[in-house]
Amino acid sequence: MAAGLAGLVLAIVIARSTPPEPLNLNSMIFLGTFACAVLWWLVELIPDYATCLLMCASWAVLKVVPFSTAFAAFGGETFWLLVGALGIGLGVAESGLLDRMALKIMSLFPVGFRGMTSAMYAVGMVINPLIPSVTAKVSITAPFAKAIGDKMGFADESEGMGGLFAAMFMSAGVLYPIFLSASLFNYVLVGLMPKEVAPGITWMSWLGVSWVWGLVVIGLGYMAVQTLYRPKETRTMDPGFVTAELAKLGGLSRKEKIVAVILAAALGMWITERLHGISAAQVAVIALVLMLAANIFDRAAFRSKIGWDSICFIGGILNLAALFPILKIDRWIGTAIGPYLQPLMSNIYLFIVVLCLLLLAIRFILVSQAASLTLFIVLLAPLATALHIHPLIPAFVVLTSINLWNAPYQNTTFLAAFYASGGMVRHSQTIKMSLAYAAINILALLASVPLWRMMGMLP
């Protein structure tokens, strides 16, 4: 409660301060409510989505902007893309198609530790671009990792179990920045981009930026799993286990066939967006409607199993970013802190290292990944533009660097995987993989700089 009152006091103090150029009174009220929201997010005073909606409502009540502007993002493409994407993820999970895909891929690999960790990576790479919900992916694949570990004879909390969990989480919970359609966070990032930049970011243009990062993280991440979690004993699994699990599923059901066709069509439309001009949001909503029409999931599931709290939170975050240029906050940021950050941002290699280490430290305090993503993107985007750096570059650095699980409260996706895995690991076992990823991520980002320069995204 004290933190809640402190947030309100902070908002009043900022709102009543003399506005510096080029800000005005409305700008200061906006900054005050924003500072209050950040503090409430830090202490989790009320649910994050409730804070976000209250912040947006305050802009309308206090006459900062009209109500239609304060909630404009809820009618925008990114918001509806999120609705469609979460619906697609639910449809895939409800149909059982993801289970079949995972088992089929696993059946192609050797039954030892190296083979099964390789299978976990392969599963993640196949399903990543198809399902935008990272939480859904890890919740479904974690039990497979646990079952495989049991069949291989690994005890819970053993190194073998730790390696299978690490491979599963790296593939399904960490590699999503490779594909635009692999996570809601990716779409949030696009929604936070300046309005003149966002329309040019398509599925293929995103892949053009991310593929070097992805190759480095896949390669070094796989090596880290084999090094950090190599079991002392050699264990194998009965090769008939996966085959038997596949046999239990029987032939492709009607729902699986329909979902497979819709997924393939949606992915094809996303990849070829530049050719046909139909936006990713329109494709996602149509795919969702087709699944509803085919009764892939019912009204009750639509109400209860789609993350409406996440959608409301992200909608509010997008509204926040939209008001920055309207109230000239972006210009003020550039004037106020640009001279201090410009020398750092002028050396992109040093900037990447410092930003990654800063995010590593600040994520112990700023719990919400979405809030961390938003804060740093809205701060860095105007500065990047002023320095002729494409704003997608610092945003991508932030996106890949906030996905840490050194403490369990830092990462809701990790918690979903942890609890879905049925006690196969301790959190303390997984910290070394989080730290390894933090180092690998820096190397992968540095390796991407020559590509980004060739693309004209860096001076």
Protein backbone atom coordinates (compact mmCIF):
# COMPACT_ATOMS: atom_id res chain seq x y z
CA MET A 1 0.00 0.00 0.00
CA ALA A 2 2.86 2.40 0.82
CA ALA A 3 4.30 1.87 -2.66
CA GLY A 4 0.89 2.60 -4.16
CA LEU A 5 0.67 5.92 -2.33
CA ALA A 6 4.27 6.69 -3.27
CA GLY A 7 3.35 6.17 -6.92
CA LEU A 8 0.47 8.62 -6.64
CA VAL A 9 2.67 11.21 -4.91
CA LEU A 10 5.30 10.78 -7.61
CA ALA A 11 2.67 11.28 -10.30
CA ILE A 12 1.45 14.51 -8.68
CA VAL A 13 4.98 15.88 -8.24
CA ILE A 14 5.89 15.23 -11.88
CA ALA A 15 2.57 16.53 -13.20
CA ARG A 16 2.98 19.82 -11.29
CA SER A 17 6.58 20.34 -12.38
CA THR A 18 7.49 23.03 -14.89
CA PRO A 19 7.57 21.38 -18.30
CA PRO A 20 10.89 21.62 -20.13
CA GLU A 21 10.96 22.34 -23.85
CA PRO A 22 9.27 20.98 -25.97
CA LEU A 23 6.83 19.52 -23.39
CA ASN A 24 3.62 21.06 -22.05
CA LEU A 25 1.28 20.50 -19.11
CA ASN A 26 -0.36 17.45 -20.71
CA SER A 27 3.05 15.94 -21.34
CA MET A 28 3.91 16.26 -17.65
CA ILE A 29 0.63 14.68 -16.56
CA PHE A 30 1.33 11.81 -18.96
CA LEU A 31 4.85 11.35 -17.55
CA GLY A 32 3.48 11.44 -14.00
CA THR A 33 0.92 8.71 -14.65
CA PHE A 34 3.55 6.69 -16.50
CA ALA A 35 6.00 6.94 -13.57
CA CYS A 36 3.24 5.85 -11.19
CA ALA A 37 2.44 2.85 -13.39
CA VAL A 38 6.10 1.81 -13.52
CA LEU A 39 6.35 1.88 -9.72
CA TRP A 40 3.14 -0.13 -9.39
CA TRP A 41 4.50 -2.66 -11.89
CA LEU A 42 7.70 -2.95 -9.89
CA VAL A 43 5.91 -3.80 -6.65
CA GLU A 44 2.99 -5.62 -8.36
CA LEU A 45 0.49 -3.55 -6.35
CA ILE A 46 -2.40 -4.72 -8.54
CA PRO A 47 -2.35 -6.97 -11.65
CA ASP A 48 -0.19 -5.45 -14.38
CA TYR A 49 -3.04 -5.32 -16.89
CA ALA A 50 -5.24 -3.47 -14.37
CA THR A 51 -2.50 -0.87 -13.86
CA CYS A 52 -2.17 -0.51 -17.61
CA LEU A 53 -5.89 0.04 -18.18
CA LEU A 54 -6.06 2.50 -15.28
CA MET A 55 -3.14 4.43 -16.76
CA CYS A 56 -4.91 4.73 -20.12
CA ALA A 57 -8.16 5.76 -18.45
CA SER A 58 -6.34 8.46 -16.47
CA TRP A 59 -5.18 10.12 -19.71
CA ALA A 60 -8.80 10.51 -20.78
CA VAL A 61 -10.09 11.56 -17.33
CA LEU A 62 -7.33 14.16 -16.92
CA LYS A 63 -7.90 15.46 -20.47
CA VAL A 64 -4.38 14.59 -21.65
CA VAL A 65 -5.87 13.17 -24.85
CA PRO A 66 -9.40 12.18 -25.91
CA PHE A 67 -10.66 8.74 -24.84
CA SER A 68 -10.51 7.55 -28.45
CA THR A 69 -6.79 8.40 -28.53
CA ALA A 70 -6.04 7.00 -25.07
CA PHE A 71 -7.43 3.60 -26.13
CA ALA A 72 -6.69 3.82 -29.87
CA ALA A 73 -4.40 0.78 -29.91
CA PHE A 74 -7.30 -1.49 -28.95
CA GLY A 75 -8.68 -0.91 -32.44
CA GLY A 76 -5.31 -1.17 -34.15
CA GLU A 77 -3.80 -3.98 -36.23
CA THR A 78 -1.29 -5.09 -33.61
CA PHE A 79 -3.99 -5.58 -30.98
CA TRP A 80 -6.12 -7.73 -33.28
CA LEU A 81 -3.08 -9.61 -34.47
CA LEU A 82 -2.50 -10.57 -30.82
CA VAL A 83 -6.09 -11.76 -30.47
CA GLY A 84 -5.79 -13.85 -33.62
CA ALA A 85 -2.37 -15.21 -32.67
CA LEU A 86 -3.48 -16.33 -29.22
CA GLY A 87 -6.55 -17.94 -30.77
CA ILE A 88 -4.39 -19.82 -33.27
CA GLY A 89 -2.21 -21.11 -30.43
CA LEU A 90 -5.28 -22.29 -28.54
CA GLY A 91 -6.63 -24.05 -31.62
CA VAL A 92 -3.37 -25.93 -32.18
CA ALA A 93 -3.25 -27.01 -28.54
CA GLU A 94 -6.91 -28.07 -28.44
CA SER A 95 -6.65 -30.09 -31.64
CA GLY A 96 -3.74 -32.22 -30.41
CA LEU A 97 -1.71 -31.47 -33.55
CA LEU A 98 1.24 -30.15 -31.58
CA ASP A 99 1.56 -33.37 -29.59
CA ARG A 100 1.64 -35.39 -32.81
CA MET A 101 4.21 -33.10 -34.42
CA ALA A 102 6.48 -33.28 -31.37
CA LEU A 103 6.34 -37.08 -31.17
CA LYS A 104 6.89 -37.48 -34.91
CA ILE A 105 10.01 -35.32 -34.81
CA MET A 106 11.37 -37.18 -31.77
CA SER A 107 10.94 -40.51 -33.57
CA LEU A 108 13.56 -39.38 -36.11
CA PHE A 109 16.41 -39.05 -33.60
CA PRO A 110 18.68 -41.52 -31.73
CA VAL A 111 17.43 -42.50 -28.28
CA GLY A 112 20.49 -41.38 -26.25
CA PHE A 113 20.98 -38.09 -24.36
CA ARG A 114 22.56 -36.29 -27.31
CA GLY A 115 19.90 -37.56 -29.69
CA MET A 116 16.98 -36.59 -27.47
CA THR A 117 18.35 -33.12 -26.68
CA SER A 118 18.78 -32.70 -30.43
CA ALA A 119 15.17 -33.78 -30.85
CA MET A 120 14.07 -31.11 -28.35
CA TYR A 121 15.83 -28.48 -30.44
CA ALA A 122 14.27 -29.78 -33.62
CA VAL A 123 10.77 -29.73 -32.10
CA GLY A 124 11.22 -26.11 -31.08
CA MET A 125 12.49 -25.03 -34.48
CA VAL A 126 9.53 -26.62 -36.27
CA ILE A 127 6.78 -25.34 -33.98
CA ASN A 128 8.24 -21.89 -33.26
CA PRO A 129 6.99 -20.09 -36.39
CA LEU A 130 3.62 -21.85 -36.21
CA ILE A 131 2.48 -20.94 -32.71
CA PRO A 132 2.69 -17.36 -31.41
CA SER A 133 2.20 -18.32 -27.75
CA VAL A 134 5.54 -19.21 -26.15
CA THR A 135 3.78 -20.26 -22.96
CA ALA A 136 1.66 -22.75 -24.91
CA LYS A 137 4.74 -24.20 -26.59
CA VAL A 138 6.69 -24.82 -23.40
CA SER A 139 3.61 -26.06 -21.53
CA ILE A 140 3.07 -28.74 -24.16
CA THR A 141 6.70 -29.74 -24.81
CA ALA A 142 7.88 -29.81 -21.17
CA PRO A 143 5.88 -32.96 -20.31
CA PHE A 144 7.43 -34.69 -23.34
CA ALA A 145 10.90 -33.84 -22.02
CA LYS A 146 9.95 -35.24 -18.61
CA ALA A 147 8.50 -38.46 -20.10
CA ILE A 148 11.63 -39.02 -22.20
CA GLY A 149 13.85 -38.49 -19.16
CA ASP A 150 11.81 -41.02 -17.20
CA LYS A 151 12.05 -43.59 -19.99
CA MET A 152 15.82 -43.05 -20.16
CA GLY A 153 16.07 -43.79 -16.44
CA PHE A 154 17.17 -40.33 -15.29
CA ALA A 155 16.17 -39.40 -11.75
CA ASP A 156 14.39 -36.10 -11.20
CA GLU A 157 16.83 -33.22 -10.64
CA SER A 158 19.66 -35.21 -12.22
CA GLU A 159 21.98 -33.69 -14.82
CA GLY A 160 20.30 -35.74 -17.53
CA MET A 161 16.91 -34.29 -16.65
CA GLY A 162 18.46 -30.84 -16.45
CA GLY A 163 19.87 -31.20 -19.96
CA LEU A 164 16.56 -32.31 -21.43
CA PHE A 165 14.77 -29.40 -19.74
CA ALA A 166 17.43 -26.93 -20.91
CA ALA A 167 17.21 -28.16 -24.51
CA MET A 168 13.41 -27.99 -24.40
CA PHE A 169 13.34 -24.48 -22.96
CA MET A 170 16.08 -23.12 -25.21
CA SER A 171 14.24 -24.32 -28.30
CA ALA A 172 10.62 -23.57 -27.38
CA GLY A 173 11.10 -20.72 -24.88
CA VAL A 174 14.18 -18.80 -26.03
CA LEU A 175 14.56 -18.99 -29.82
CA TYR A 176 11.33 -17.13 -30.62
CA PRO A 177 13.14 -13.93 -31.77
CA ILE A 178 14.12 -15.79 -34.96
CA PHE A 179 10.59 -15.76 -36.41
CA LEU A 180 8.16 -12.85 -36.23
CA SER A 181 5.20 -15.22 -35.78
CA ALA A 182 6.82 -17.11 -32.90
CA SER A 183 5.88 -14.83 -30.00
CA LEU A 184 3.52 -12.10 -28.89
CA PHE A 185 6.57 -10.14 -27.70
CA ASN A 186 7.74 -9.88 -31.31
CA TYR A 187 4.44 -8.34 -32.34
CA VAL A 188 4.54 -6.00 -29.35
CA LEU A 189 7.97 -4.84 -30.51
CA VAL A 190 6.61 -4.08 -33.98
CA GLY A 191 3.71 -2.20 -32.41
CA LEU A 192 6.18 -0.04 -30.45
CA MET A 193 8.10 0.96 -33.55
CA PRO A 194 7.64 4.48 -34.99
CA LYS A 195 4.61 4.64 -37.28
CA GLU A 196 6.79 5.22 -40.34
CA VAL A 197 8.86 2.09 -39.58
CA ALA A 198 6.35 -0.53 -38.42
CA PRO A 199 4.60 -1.15 -41.80
CA GLY A 200 7.91 -2.17 -43.37
CA ILE A 201 8.53 -4.98 -40.87
CA THR A 202 7.20 -8.21 -42.39
CA TRP A 203 7.79 -11.88 -41.63
CA MET A 204 10.62 -12.12 -44.16
CA SER A 205 12.24 -8.77 -43.33
CA TRP A 206 12.28 -9.79 -39.66
CA LEU A 207 13.97 -13.09 -40.55
CA GLY A 208 16.53 -11.12 -42.56
CA VAL A 209 17.51 -9.30 -39.36
CA SER A 210 17.40 -12.29 -36.99
CA TRP A 211 18.89 -15.28 -38.79
CA VAL A 212 22.55 -14.75 -37.81
CA TRP A 213 21.54 -14.30 -34.18
CA GLY A 214 19.48 -17.46 -34.42
CA LEU A 215 22.24 -19.61 -35.89
CA VAL A 216 24.73 -18.53 -33.23
CA VAL A 217 22.30 -19.10 -30.35
CA ILE A 218 21.26 -22.51 -31.70
CA GLY A 219 24.84 -23.68 -32.17
CA LEU A 220 26.38 -22.33 -28.97
CA GLY A 221 23.26 -23.08 -26.95
CA TYR A 222 23.33 -26.72 -28.02
CA MET A 223 27.03 -26.93 -27.11
CA ALA A 224 26.28 -25.38 -23.71
CA VAL A 225 23.60 -28.00 -23.00
CA GLN A 226 26.00 -30.83 -23.86
CA THR A 227 28.75 -29.29 -21.72
CA LEU A 228 26.81 -28.10 -18.68
CA TYR A 229 24.45 -31.06 -18.29
CA ARG A 230 26.34 -34.06 -19.65
CA PRO A 231 25.18 -37.06 -17.56
CA LYS A 232 27.86 -39.20 -15.94
CA GLU A 233 26.20 -42.42 -17.05
CA THR A 234 25.18 -43.41 -20.57
CA ARG A 235 21.44 -43.93 -20.78
CA THR A 236 19.18 -44.79 -23.69
CA MET A 237 15.43 -45.05 -24.12
CA ASP A 238 13.37 -47.89 -25.47
CA PRO A 239 13.01 -46.87 -29.14
CA GLY A 240 9.47 -48.20 -29.10
CA PHE A 241 8.28 -45.61 -26.56
CA VAL A 242 7.75 -42.75 -29.02
CA THR A 243 6.29 -45.13 -31.57
CA ALA A 244 3.84 -46.42 -28.99
CA GLU A 245 2.82 -42.87 -28.02
CA LEU A 246 2.20 -42.06 -31.67
CA ALA A 247 0.14 -45.19 -32.05
CA LYS A 248 -2.06 -44.10 -29.12
CA LEU A 249 -2.97 -40.95 -31.06
CA GLY A 250 -4.28 -43.01 -33.98
CA GLY A 251 -4.81 -41.41 -37.35
CA LEU A 252 -5.11 -37.69 -37.94
CA SER A 253 -8.38 -36.44 -36.52
CA ARG A 254 -10.71 -34.05 -38.33
CA LYS A 255 -9.62 -31.20 -36.08
CA GLU A 256 -5.93 -31.89 -36.66
CA LYS A 257 -6.39 -31.90 -40.43
CA ILE A 258 -8.29 -28.61 -40.39
CA VAL A 259 -5.79 -26.94 -38.06
CA ALA A 260 -2.86 -28.18 -40.17
CA VAL A 261 -4.37 -26.65 -43.31
CA ILE A 262 -5.16 -23.35 -41.56
CA LEU A 263 -1.66 -23.18 -40.02
CA ALA A 264 0.06 -23.89 -43.33
CA ALA A 265 -2.06 -21.28 -45.11
CA ALA A 266 -1.50 -18.66 -42.40
CA LEU A 267 2.26 -19.22 -42.34
CA GLY A 268 2.39 -19.03 -46.15
CA MET A 269 0.43 -15.77 -46.10
CA TRP A 270 2.71 -14.29 -43.43
CA ILE A 271 5.84 -15.20 -45.38
CA THR A 272 4.53 -13.75 -48.64
CA GLU A 273 2.94 -10.60 -47.17
CA ARG A 274 4.91 -8.30 -49.47
CA LEU A 275 3.50 -10.10 -52.53
CA HIS A 276 -0.22 -10.04 -51.72
CA GLY A 277 -0.43 -7.06 -49.34
CA ILE A 278 -2.74 -8.75 -46.83
CA SER A 279 -1.46 -7.81 -43.37
CA ALA A 280 -0.42 -10.33 -40.75
CA ALA A 281 -3.24 -9.11 -38.49
CA GLN A 282 -5.88 -9.78 -41.12
CA VAL A 283 -4.48 -13.25 -41.74
CA ALA A 284 -4.42 -14.04 -38.00
CA VAL A 285 -8.03 -12.93 -37.43
CA ILE A 286 -9.27 -14.89 -40.46
CA ALA A 287 -7.40 -17.99 -39.25
CA LEU A 288 -9.00 -17.61 -35.82
CA VAL A 289 -12.48 -17.24 -37.33
CA LEU A 290 -11.94 -20.34 -39.47
CA MET A 291 -11.00 -22.34 -36.38
CA LEU A 292 -14.09 -21.08 -34.56
CA ALA A 293 -16.29 -21.87 -37.55
CA ALA A 294 -14.87 -25.41 -37.67
CA ASN A 295 -15.51 -25.78 -33.92
CA ILE A 296 -11.85 -26.49 -33.16
CA PHE A 297 -12.59 -25.00 -29.75
CA ASP A 298 -15.89 -23.86 -28.30
CA ARG A 299 -17.27 -20.65 -26.79
CA ALA A 300 -16.22 -21.66 -23.27
CA ALA A 301 -12.60 -22.19 -24.35
CA PHE A 302 -12.65 -18.90 -26.25
CA ARG A 303 -13.69 -17.14 -23.06
CA SER A 304 -11.42 -18.91 -20.59
CA LYS A 305 -8.31 -20.15 -22.39
CA ILE A 306 -7.23 -17.07 -24.35
CA GLY A 307 -5.02 -14.75 -22.32
CA TRP A 308 -7.31 -11.74 -22.29
CA ASP A 309 -5.33 -10.26 -19.38
CA SER A 310 -2.18 -10.30 -21.52
CA ILE A 311 -4.06 -8.79 -24.45
CA CYS A 312 -5.38 -5.92 -22.29
CA PHE A 313 -1.91 -5.30 -20.85
CA ILE A 314 -0.26 -5.25 -24.25
CA GLY A 315 -3.00 -3.03 -25.70
CA GLY A 316 -2.33 -0.49 -22.97
CA ILE A 317 1.41 -0.68 -23.57
CA LEU A 318 0.87 0.04 -27.27
CA ASN A 319 -1.23 3.08 -26.35
CA LEU A 320 1.66 4.29 -24.21
CA ALA A 321 4.08 4.18 -27.13
CA ALA A 322 1.57 5.85 -29.46
CA LEU A 323 1.33 8.92 -27.23
CA PHE A 324 5.07 9.60 -27.14
CA PRO A 325 5.17 11.45 -30.49
CA ILE A 326 1.78 13.13 -29.90
CA LEU A 327 3.02 14.70 -26.65
CA LYS A 328 6.57 15.23 -28.00
CA ILE A 329 8.04 12.92 -25.36
CA ASP A 330 10.29 11.34 -27.98
CA ARG A 331 11.81 14.71 -28.87
CA TRP A 332 12.35 15.51 -25.20
CA ILE A 333 14.09 12.17 -24.59
CA GLY A 334 16.40 12.85 -27.50
CA THR A 335 17.25 16.29 -26.15
CA ALA A 336 17.57 15.27 -22.49
CA ILE A 337 19.56 12.05 -22.61
CA GLY A 338 20.73 11.95 -26.21
CA PRO A 339 24.03 13.75 -25.49
CA TYR A 340 24.87 11.15 -22.83
CA LEU A 341 23.92 8.06 -24.83
CA GLN A 342 25.09 9.27 -28.24
CA PRO A 343 28.79 8.46 -27.63
CA LEU A 344 27.81 4.99 -26.45
CA MET A 345 25.39 4.33 -29.33
CA SER A 346 27.95 5.57 -31.85
CA ASN A 347 29.99 2.43 -31.03
CA ILE A 348 27.43 -0.29 -31.70
CA TYR A 349 29.61 -3.09 -30.33
CA LEU A 350 30.11 -1.34 -26.99
CA PHE A 351 26.45 -0.31 -26.92
CA ILE A 352 25.26 -3.92 -27.32
CA VAL A 353 27.48 -5.19 -24.50
CA VAL A 354 26.54 -2.39 -22.10
CA LEU A 355 22.81 -2.65 -22.86
CA CYS A 356 22.78 -6.43 -22.41
CA LEU A 357 24.58 -6.18 -19.05
CA LEU A 358 22.27 -3.36 -17.93
CA LEU A 359 19.22 -5.47 -18.75
CA LEU A 360 20.76 -8.47 -16.97
CA ALA A 361 20.94 -6.36 -13.80
CA ILE A 362 17.68 -4.44 -14.09
CA ARG A 363 15.57 -7.55 -14.70
CA PHE A 364 16.05 -8.45 -11.02
CA ILE A 365 14.03 -5.32 -10.22
CA LEU A 366 11.75 -4.79 -13.22
CA VAL A 367 9.79 -8.03 -13.07
CA SER A 368 7.56 -7.72 -16.15
CA GLN A 369 9.18 -8.68 -19.45
CA ALA A 370 6.61 -6.65 -21.38
CA ALA A 371 7.20 -3.59 -19.22
CA SER A 372 10.99 -3.96 -19.64
CA LEU A 373 10.58 -4.27 -23.40
CA THR A 374 8.35 -1.21 -23.58
CA LEU A 375 10.43 1.06 -21.37
CA PHE A 376 13.67 0.49 -23.21
CA ILE A 377 12.22 0.56 -26.71
CA VAL A 378 10.37 3.84 -26.21
CA LEU A 379 13.55 5.33 -24.73
CA LEU A 380 15.95 4.06 -27.39
CA ALA A 381 13.88 4.30 -30.58
CA PRO A 382 14.02 8.12 -30.94
CA LEU A 383 17.72 8.19 -30.09
CA ALA A 384 18.46 5.49 -32.64
CA THR A 385 16.56 7.37 -35.35
CA ALA A 386 18.53 10.56 -34.60
CA LEU A 387 21.78 8.61 -35.04
CA HIS A 388 20.60 7.02 -38.33
CA ILE A 389 20.30 3.61 -36.67
CA HIS A 390 17.20 1.62 -37.61
CA PRO A 391 15.10 1.51 -34.41
CA LEU A 392 14.51 -2.22 -34.92
CA ILE A 393 18.18 -2.87 -34.01
CA PRO A 394 18.18 -1.61 -30.38
CA ALA A 395 14.67 -3.03 -30.00
CA PHE A 396 15.88 -6.47 -31.10
CA VAL A 397 18.76 -6.25 -28.62
CA VAL A 398 16.28 -5.54 -25.84
CA LEU A 399 13.95 -8.34 -26.98
CA THR A 400 16.66 -11.00 -26.86
CA SER A 401 18.24 -9.72 -23.63
CA ILE A 402 15.22 -9.61 -21.32
CA ASN A 403 14.48 -13.34 -21.63
CA LEU A 404 16.37 -14.48 -18.53
CA TRP A 405 15.45 -16.79 -15.65
CA ASN A 406 18.20 -16.20 -13.08
CA ALA A 407 15.35 -15.73 -10.59
CA PRO A 408 12.08 -17.61 -11.17
CA TYR A 409 9.93 -14.47 -10.84
CA GLN A 410 11.70 -12.88 -13.82
CA ASN A 411 10.11 -15.08 -16.44
CA THR A 412 6.51 -16.31 -16.56
CA THR A 413 7.32 -18.53 -19.53
CA PHE A 414 10.02 -20.26 -17.50
CA LEU A 415 7.54 -20.78 -14.66
CA ALA A 416 5.05 -22.35 -17.07
CA ALA A 417 7.72 -24.76 -18.32
CA PHE A 418 8.99 -25.45 -14.80
CA TYR A 419 5.58 -26.43 -13.43
CA ALA A 420 4.56 -28.31 -16.59
CA SER A 421 7.71 -30.43 -16.33
CA GLY A 422 6.45 -32.15 -13.19
CA GLY A 423 9.45 -31.69 -10.93
CA MET A 424 12.13 -32.84 -13.35
CA VAL A 425 14.51 -30.01 -12.32
CA ARG A 426 15.25 -27.54 -9.53
CA HIS A 427 15.37 -23.88 -10.45
CA SER A 428 18.96 -23.69 -9.18
CA GLN A 429 19.91 -26.27 -11.83
CA THR A 430 18.67 -24.02 -14.60
CA ILE A 431 20.50 -20.83 -13.59
CA LYS A 432 23.73 -21.90 -15.31
CA MET A 433 21.84 -22.18 -18.60
CA SER A 434 20.34 -18.72 -18.10
CA LEU A 435 23.80 -17.25 -17.54
CA ALA A 436 25.15 -19.18 -20.51
CA TYR A 437 22.36 -17.77 -22.67
CA ALA A 438 23.12 -14.24 -21.46
CA ALA A 439 26.71 -14.64 -22.70
CA ILE A 440 25.70 -16.43 -25.91
CA ASN A 441 23.15 -13.72 -26.68
CA ILE A 442 25.84 -11.02 -26.53
CA LEU A 443 28.06 -13.01 -28.91
CA ALA A 444 25.13 -13.63 -31.27
CA LEU A 445 24.20 -9.93 -31.33
CA LEU A 446 27.80 -8.89 -31.98
CA ALA A 447 28.01 -11.45 -34.79
CA SER A 448 24.90 -9.87 -36.36
CA VAL A 449 26.40 -6.38 -36.63
CA PRO A 450 28.14 -6.94 -40.01
CA LEU A 451 24.85 -8.24 -41.46
CA TRP A 452 22.92 -5.24 -40.14
CA ARG A 453 25.52 -2.92 -41.65
CA MET A 454 25.24 -4.66 -45.02
CA MET A 455 21.46 -4.17 -44.83
CA GLY A 456 21.93 -0.43 -44.27
CA MET A 457 20.41 -0.55 -40.78
CA LEU A 458 23.56 0.79 -39.12
CA PRO A 459 25.74 3.73 -40.18
